Protein backbone atom coordinates (compact mmCIF):
# COMPACT_ATOMS: atom_id res chain seq x y z
CA MET A 1 83.57 68.55 132.45
CA LEU A 2 80.85 70.66 130.88
CA LYS A 3 82.12 74.02 129.59
CA ILE A 4 79.83 77.00 129.35
CA THR A 5 81.92 78.88 126.81
CA PRO A 6 83.56 77.29 123.77
CA ASP A 7 87.27 77.39 123.04
CA PRO A 8 88.34 80.26 120.79
CA PRO A 9 88.94 79.39 117.14
CA HIS A 10 92.42 78.24 116.27
CA LEU A 11 94.02 80.77 113.95
CA SER A 12 97.13 80.23 111.92
CA ALA A 13 99.93 82.79 112.24
CA GLU A 14 99.11 84.11 108.74
CA ALA A 15 95.43 84.60 109.57
CA PHE A 16 96.35 86.30 112.84
CA ASN A 17 98.75 88.69 111.08
CA ASP A 18 96.15 89.44 108.39
CA ASP A 19 93.63 90.32 111.12
CA LEU A 20 96.17 92.63 112.78
CA LEU A 21 96.97 94.36 109.49
CA GLN A 22 93.29 94.81 108.71
CA ASP A 23 92.65 96.11 112.22
CA HIS A 24 95.57 98.56 111.85
CA ALA A 25 94.24 99.77 108.51
CA THR A 26 90.79 100.26 110.04
CA ARG A 27 92.20 102.25 112.96
CA THR A 28 94.22 104.41 110.59
CA ARG A 29 91.15 105.15 108.46
CA VAL A 30 89.07 106.05 111.52
CA LEU A 31 91.75 108.33 112.96
CA ASN A 32 92.25 110.08 109.62
CA HIS A 33 88.49 110.56 109.29
CA TYR A 34 87.96 112.07 112.74
CA LEU A 35 91.26 113.86 113.26
CA GLY A 36 92.07 114.54 109.64
CA PRO A 37 95.64 114.98 108.53
CA ARG A 38 96.57 118.60 109.09
CA PRO A 39 98.84 120.02 106.42
CA ALA A 40 102.00 121.56 107.78
CA SER A 41 101.31 124.72 105.85
CA ALA A 42 97.91 125.32 107.51
CA LYS A 43 97.83 128.80 109.01
CA LEU A 44 96.76 128.42 112.63
CA ASN A 45 96.78 131.21 115.13
CA LEU A 46 98.79 130.60 118.29
CA GLU A 47 95.82 129.84 120.52
CA ASP A 48 94.34 127.26 118.11
CA ALA A 49 97.74 125.61 117.70
CA LEU A 50 98.20 125.36 121.48
CA VAL A 51 94.68 123.98 121.98
CA HIS A 52 95.33 121.37 119.29
CA ALA A 53 98.72 120.48 120.80
CA SER A 54 97.12 120.10 124.24
CA SER A 55 94.48 117.80 122.78
CA VAL A 56 97.11 115.69 121.00
CA LEU A 57 99.15 115.41 124.20
CA ARG A 58 96.05 114.40 126.17
CA SER A 59 95.40 111.65 123.59
CA ALA A 60 99.05 110.54 123.76
CA ASN A 61 98.74 110.32 127.54
CA ALA A 62 95.60 108.17 127.35
CA THR A 63 97.12 105.95 124.66
CA ALA A 64 100.33 105.37 126.61
CA LEU A 65 98.40 104.65 129.79
CA GLU A 66 96.26 102.08 128.00
CA ALA A 67 99.34 100.52 126.38
CA SER A 68 101.01 100.14 129.77
CA ARG A 69 98.36 97.69 130.95
CA GLY A 70 99.69 94.78 128.92
CA CYS A 71 103.40 95.40 129.48
CA SER A 72 106.02 93.68 131.56
CA ASP A 73 107.61 95.60 134.42
CA ALA A 74 110.56 96.90 132.38
CA GLN A 75 108.35 97.94 129.47
CA ARG A 76 105.87 99.57 131.85
CA ASP A 77 108.69 101.68 133.29
CA LEU A 78 109.45 102.97 129.79
CA VAL A 79 105.79 103.77 129.19
CA PHE A 80 105.62 105.66 132.48
CA ALA A 81 108.71 107.62 131.47
CA VAL A 82 106.94 108.59 128.24
CA LEU A 83 103.84 109.51 130.27
CA HIS A 84 105.96 111.80 132.39
CA LEU A 85 107.41 113.52 129.32
CA VAL A 86 103.95 113.95 127.80
CA ASP A 87 102.64 115.39 131.07
CA MET A 88 105.51 117.89 131.23
CA ALA A 89 104.90 118.98 127.62
CA ARG A 90 101.15 119.26 128.22
CA GLU A 91 101.75 121.37 131.33
CA LEU A 92 103.92 123.76 129.30
CA VAL A 93 101.29 124.01 126.56
CA ASP A 94 98.46 124.55 129.07
CA GLN A 95 100.51 127.16 130.91
CA SER A 96 101.17 128.94 127.61
CA LEU A 97 97.45 128.90 126.86
CA ASN A 98 96.66 130.41 130.26
CA ASN A 99 99.22 133.19 129.69
CA LEU A 100 97.81 134.27 126.33
CA PRO A 101 96.21 137.70 126.37
CA ALA A 102 92.41 137.67 126.32
CA ARG A 103 90.80 138.27 122.94
C-alpha cells in the first residue's frame, strides 16, 4: 500500500519528556512576557483589579474548555465543574464592575 504521509518519528520516552519540558518552559516564558508577573504589593484601584480578575477568569474558562477536549468522561465532568465555578466567579466580578459608580 502506498502511503501519502510518512509515519511520525519514533521518540524515546526521554526525548518525549525533554520536548514536553522545553515546551512548558517556552509557554511559561511567553506567558510571563505578555501577562507579566504582577507583584502582590502593586497598588491597583478597585476597577482595574476587577477588570484584571475578569480577564484572568475568562482565560481560565478558555483554558479549561480546551483541556476538556482530550479528557475521558470522568475527567471531563471535573473540568466542567471547574468551568462552572469559574463562570460563577466571573459573573460576580462582572456584576461588581457594573455596580461601580461612574468616574
